[in-house]
Amino acid sequence: MWRGNDCDLGGVGDYAIKITSASKCSGRPNVVYASDTVTRAVSGLTNVPVRP
């Protein structure tokens, strides 16, 4: 679970939180919340849907 994190990637990282094997954790999925923020990420906060 990712909640309340603030990241600055300096323009060099794709995502602040990149989930790479979601299929392996279907019983306890990775969750990224809207309270997480990122600045200067190439692609954004995360590559998975964000929960409110």
PDB file of N, CA and C in Angstrom:
ATOM      1  N   MET A   1       0.843  -1.161   0.000  1.00  0.00           N
ATOM      2  CA  MET A   1       0.000   0.000   0.000  1.00  0.00           C
ATOM      3  C   MET A   1       0.893   1.230   0.000  1.00  0.00           C
ATOM      4  N   TRP A   2       0.583   2.140  -0.886  1.00  0.00           N
ATOM      5  CA  TRP A   2       1.317   3.405  -0.983  1.00  0.00           C
ATOM      6  C   TRP A   2       0.339   4.526  -0.671  1.00  0.00           C
ATOM      7  N   ARG A   3       0.638   5.312   0.363  1.00  0.00           N
ATOM      8  CA  ARG A   3      -0.263   6.396   0.763  1.00  0.00           C
ATOM      9  C   ARG A   3       0.551   7.528   1.378  1.00  0.00           C
ATOM     10  N   GLY A   4       0.272   8.766   0.934  1.00  0.00           N
ATOM     11  CA  GLY A   4       0.864   9.951   1.534  1.00  0.00           C
ATOM     12  C   GLY A   4       2.336  10.179   1.231  1.00  0.00           C
ATOM     13  N   ASN A   5       2.804   9.683   0.101  1.00  0.00           N
ATOM     14  CA  ASN A   5       4.209   9.872  -0.281  1.00  0.00           C
ATOM     15  C   ASN A   5       4.342  11.048  -1.234  1.00  0.00           C
ATOM     16  N   ASP A   6       5.440  11.775  -1.141  1.00  0.00           N
ATOM     17  CA  ASP A   6       5.722  12.907  -2.018  1.00  0.00           C
ATOM     18  C   ASP A   6       7.084  12.663  -2.656  1.00  0.00           C
ATOM     19  N   CYS A   7       7.117  12.567  -3.986  1.00  0.00           N
ATOM     20  CA  CYS A   7       8.354  12.236  -4.686  1.00  0.00           C
ATOM     21  C   CYS A   7       8.708  13.295  -5.724  1.00  0.00           C
ATOM     22  N   ASP A   8       9.976  13.560  -5.887  1.00  0.00           N
ATOM     23  CA  ASP A   8      10.480  14.407  -6.955  1.00  0.00           C
ATOM     24  C   ASP A   8      11.525  13.582  -7.698  1.00  0.00           C
ATOM     25  N   LEU A   9      11.217  13.196  -8.924  1.00  0.00           N
ATOM     26  CA  LEU A   9      12.117  12.319  -9.672  1.00  0.00           C
ATOM     27  C   LEU A   9      13.143  13.072 -10.511  1.00  0.00           C
ATOM     28  N   GLY A  10      13.105  14.384 -10.472  1.00  0.00           N
ATOM     29  CA  GLY A  10      14.121  15.165 -11.173  1.00  0.00           C
ATOM     30  C   GLY A  10      14.092  15.040 -12.677  1.00  0.00           C
ATOM     31  N   GLY A  11      12.980  14.573 -13.243  1.00  0.00           N
ATOM     32  CA  GLY A  11      12.860  14.461 -14.686  1.00  0.00           C
ATOM     33  C   GLY A  11      13.520  13.260 -15.302  1.00  0.00           C
ATOM     34  N   VAL A  12      13.986  12.309 -14.491  1.00  0.00           N
ATOM     35  CA  VAL A  12      14.702  11.162 -15.052  1.00  0.00           C
ATOM     36  C   VAL A  12      13.988   9.830 -14.860  1.00  0.00           C
ATOM     37  N   GLY A  13      13.016   9.751 -13.992  1.00  0.00           N
ATOM     38  CA  GLY A  13      12.331   8.483 -13.761  1.00  0.00           C
ATOM     39  C   GLY A  13      10.974   8.438 -14.425  1.00  0.00           C
ATOM     40  N   ASP A  14      10.576   7.257 -14.908  1.00  0.00           N
ATOM     41  CA  ASP A  14       9.275   7.123 -15.557  1.00  0.00           C
ATOM     42  C   ASP A  14       8.132   7.322 -14.569  1.00  0.00           C
ATOM     43  N   TYR A  15       8.083   6.493 -13.539  1.00  0.00           N
ATOM     44  CA  TYR A  15       7.016   6.542 -12.539  1.00  0.00           C
ATOM     45  C   TYR A  15       7.621   6.605 -11.145  1.00  0.00           C
ATOM     46  N   ALA A  16       6.918   7.265 -10.222  1.00  0.00           N
ATOM     47  CA  ALA A  16       7.355   7.256  -8.828  1.00  0.00           C
ATOM     48  C   ALA A  16       7.112   5.876  -8.231  1.00  0.00           C
ATOM     49  N   ILE A  17       5.972   5.270  -8.600  1.00  0.00           N
ATOM     50  CA  ILE A  17       5.619   3.935  -8.112  1.00  0.00           C
ATOM     51  C   ILE A  17       5.287   3.093  -9.335  1.00  0.00           C
ATOM     52  N   LYS A  18       6.150   2.145  -9.668  1.00  0.00           N
ATOM     53  CA  LYS A  18       5.919   1.289 -10.836  1.00  0.00           C
ATOM     54  C   LYS A  18       5.701  -0.143 -10.372  1.00  0.00           C
ATOM     55  N   ILE A  19       4.506  -0.640 -10.623  1.00  0.00           N
ATOM     56  CA  ILE A  19       4.153  -2.007 -10.245  1.00  0.00           C
ATOM     57  C   ILE A  19       4.518  -2.902 -11.426  1.00  0.00           C
ATOM     58  N   THR A  20       5.362  -3.906 -11.171  1.00  0.00           N
ATOM     59  CA  THR A  20       5.860  -4.731 -12.268  1.00  0.00           C
ATOM     60  C   THR A  20       5.289  -6.133 -12.318  1.00  0.00           C
ATOM     61  N   SER A  21       4.713  -6.628 -11.239  1.00  0.00           N
ATOM     62  CA  SER A  21       4.191  -8.002 -11.267  1.00  0.00           C
ATOM     63  C   SER A  21       2.866  -8.097 -10.510  1.00  0.00           C
ATOM     64  N   ALA A  22       1.894  -7.309 -10.936  1.00  0.00           N
ATOM     65  CA  ALA A  22       0.590  -7.284 -10.263  1.00  0.00           C
ATOM     66  C   ALA A  22      -0.088  -8.650 -10.291  1.00  0.00           C
ATOM     67  N   SER A  23       0.133  -9.435 -11.326  1.00  0.00           N
ATOM     68  CA  SER A  23      -0.516 -10.739 -11.431  1.00  0.00           C
ATOM     69  C   SER A  23      -0.050 -11.709 -10.341  1.00  0.00           C
ATOM     70  N   LYS A  24       1.113 -11.483  -9.775  1.00  0.00           N
ATOM     71  CA  LYS A  24       1.639 -12.365  -8.732  1.00  0.00           C
ATOM     72  C   LYS A  24       1.104 -12.040  -7.350  1.00  0.00           C
ATOM     73  N   CYS A  25       0.357 -10.943  -7.220  1.00  0.00           N
ATOM     74  CA  CYS A  25      -0.138 -10.564  -5.894  1.00  0.00           C
ATOM     75  C   CYS A  25      -1.635 -10.247  -5.945  1.00  0.00           C
ATOM     76  N   SER A  26      -2.394 -11.069  -6.637  1.00  0.00           N
ATOM     77  CA  SER A  26      -3.826 -10.823  -6.789  1.00  0.00           C
ATOM     78  C   SER A  26      -4.569 -10.895  -5.465  1.00  0.00           C
ATOM     79  N   GLY A  27      -4.093 -11.688  -4.522  1.00  0.00           N
ATOM     80  CA  GLY A  27      -4.736 -11.795  -3.213  1.00  0.00           C
ATOM     81  C   GLY A  27      -4.503 -10.591  -2.329  1.00  0.00           C
ATOM     82  N   ARG A  28      -3.379  -9.931  -2.482  1.00  0.00           N
ATOM     83  CA  ARG A  28      -3.031  -8.719  -1.729  1.00  0.00           C
ATOM     84  C   ARG A  28      -2.421  -7.724  -2.701  1.00  0.00           C
ATOM     85  N   PRO A  29      -3.262  -7.094  -3.513  1.00  0.00           N
ATOM     86  CA  PRO A  29      -2.743  -6.230  -4.586  1.00  0.00           C
ATOM     87  C   PRO A  29      -2.060  -4.968  -4.068  1.00  0.00           C
ATOM     88  N   ASN A  30      -1.158  -4.467  -4.863  1.00  0.00           N
ATOM     89  CA  ASN A  30      -0.532  -3.177  -4.592  1.00  0.00           C
ATOM     90  C   ASN A  30      -1.582  -2.098  -4.801  1.00  0.00           C
ATOM     91  N   VAL A  31      -1.639  -1.147  -3.885  1.00  0.00           N
ATOM     92  CA  VAL A  31      -2.627  -0.077  -3.963  1.00  0.00           C
ATOM     93  C   VAL A  31      -1.903   1.258  -3.863  1.00  0.00           C
ATOM     94  N   VAL A  32      -2.194   2.152  -4.810  1.00  0.00           N
ATOM     95  CA  VAL A  32      -1.636   3.493  -4.816  1.00  0.00           C
ATOM     96  C   VAL A  32      -2.798   4.458  -4.610  1.00  0.00           C
ATOM     97  N   TYR A  33      -2.664   5.357  -3.639  1.00  0.00           N
ATOM     98  CA  TYR A  33      -3.729   6.295  -3.313  1.00  0.00           C
ATOM     99  C   TYR A  33      -3.450   7.679  -3.884  1.00  0.00           C
ATOM    100  N   ALA A  34      -4.521   8.448  -4.058  1.00  0.00           N
ATOM    101  CA  ALA A  34      -4.429   9.801  -4.602  1.00  0.00           C
ATOM    102  C   ALA A  34      -3.660  10.754  -3.684  1.00  0.00           C
ATOM    103  N   SER A  35      -3.426  10.365  -2.440  1.00  0.00           N
ATOM    104  CA  SER A  35      -2.652  11.215  -1.527  1.00  0.00           C
ATOM    105  C   SER A  35      -1.162  11.182  -1.843  1.00  0.00           C
ATOM    106  N   ASP A  36      -0.744  10.274  -2.725  1.00  0.00           N
ATOM    107  CA  ASP A  36       0.641  10.242  -3.190  1.00  0.00           C
ATOM    108  C   ASP A  36       0.813  11.305  -4.267  1.00  0.00           C
ATOM    109  N   THR A  37       1.943  11.984  -4.280  1.00  0.00           N
ATOM    110  CA  THR A  37       2.208  12.989  -5.305  1.00  0.00           C
ATOM    111  C   THR A  37       3.601  12.791  -5.886  1.00  0.00           C
ATOM    112  N   VAL A  38       3.761  13.242  -7.113  1.00  0.00           N
ATOM    113  CA  VAL A  38       5.068  13.185  -7.759  1.00  0.00           C
ATOM    114  C   VAL A  38       5.242  14.433  -8.621  1.00  0.00           C
ATOM    115  N   THR A  39       6.440  14.947  -8.634  1.00  0.00           N
ATOM    116  CA  THR A  39       6.796  16.034  -9.535  1.00  0.00           C
ATOM    117  C   THR A  39       7.965  15.578 -10.390  1.00  0.00           C
ATOM    118  N   ARG A  40       8.032  16.125 -11.578  1.00  0.00           N
ATOM    119  CA  ARG A  40       9.112  15.870 -12.537  1.00  0.00           C
ATOM    120  C   ARG A  40       9.340  14.388 -12.831  1.00  0.00           C
ATOM    121  N   ALA A  41       8.230  13.636 -12.966  1.00  0.00           N
ATOM    122  CA  ALA A  41       8.310  12.248 -13.425  1.00  0.00           C
ATOM    123  C   ALA A  41       8.008  12.237 -14.915  1.00  0.00           C
ATOM    124  N   VAL A  42       8.706  11.433 -15.671  1.00  0.00           N
ATOM    125  CA  VAL A  42       8.529  11.382 -17.107  1.00  0.00           C
ATOM    126  C   VAL A  42       7.117  10.908 -17.472  1.00  0.00           C
ATOM    127  N   SER A  43       6.631   9.845 -16.805  1.00  0.00           N
ATOM    128  CA  SER A  43       5.340   9.262 -17.164  1.00  0.00           C
ATOM    129  C   SER A  43       4.232   9.510 -16.141  1.00  0.00           C
ATOM    130  N   GLY A  44       4.558   9.901 -14.938  1.00  0.00           N
ATOM    131  CA  GLY A  44       3.520  10.179 -13.951  1.00  0.00           C
ATOM    132  C   GLY A  44       3.739   9.474 -12.623  1.00  0.00           C
ATOM    133  N   LEU A  45       2.696   9.466 -11.822  1.00  0.00           N
ATOM    134  CA  LEU A  45       2.772   8.891 -10.478  1.00  0.00           C
ATOM    135  C   LEU A  45       2.954   7.381 -10.518  1.00  0.00           C
ATOM    136  N   THR A  46       2.106   6.686 -11.271  1.00  0.00           N
ATOM    137  CA  THR A  46       2.134   5.225 -11.263  1.00  0.00           C
ATOM    138  C   THR A  46       1.577   4.656 -12.559  1.00  0.00           C
ATOM    139  N   ASN A  47       1.802   3.399 -12.773  1.00  0.00           N
ATOM    140  CA  ASN A  47       1.302   2.713 -13.959  1.00  0.00           C
ATOM    141  C   ASN A  47       0.064   1.871 -13.644  1.00  0.00           C
ATOM    142  N   VAL A  48      -0.509   2.024 -12.480  1.00  0.00           N
ATOM    143  CA  VAL A  48      -1.733   1.313 -12.106  1.00  0.00           C
ATOM    144  C   VAL A  48      -2.795   2.343 -11.718  1.00  0.00           C
ATOM    145  N   PRO A  49      -4.081   1.960 -11.714  1.00  0.00           N
ATOM    146  CA  PRO A  49      -5.122   2.892 -11.299  1.00  0.00           C
ATOM    147  C   PRO A  49      -4.900   3.383  -9.865  1.00  0.00           C
ATOM    148  N   VAL A  50      -5.229   4.646  -9.630  1.00  0.00           N
ATOM    149  CA  VAL A  50      -5.061   5.277  -8.319  1.00  0.00           C
ATOM    150  C   VAL A  50      -6.413   5.297  -7.608  1.00  0.00           C
ATOM    151  N   ARG A  51      -6.398   4.959  -6.326  1.00  0.00           N
ATOM    152  CA  ARG A  51      -7.621   5.004  -5.540  1.00  0.00           C
ATOM    153  C   ARG A  51      -7.739   6.369  -4.841  1.00  0.00           C
ATOM    154  N   PRO A  52      -8.988   6.815  -4.637  1.00  0.00           N
ATOM    155  CA  PRO A  52      -9.180   8.112  -3.953  1.00  0.00           C
ATOM    156  C   PRO A  52      -8.671   8.116  -2.525  1.00  0.00           C
TER     157      PRO A  52
END
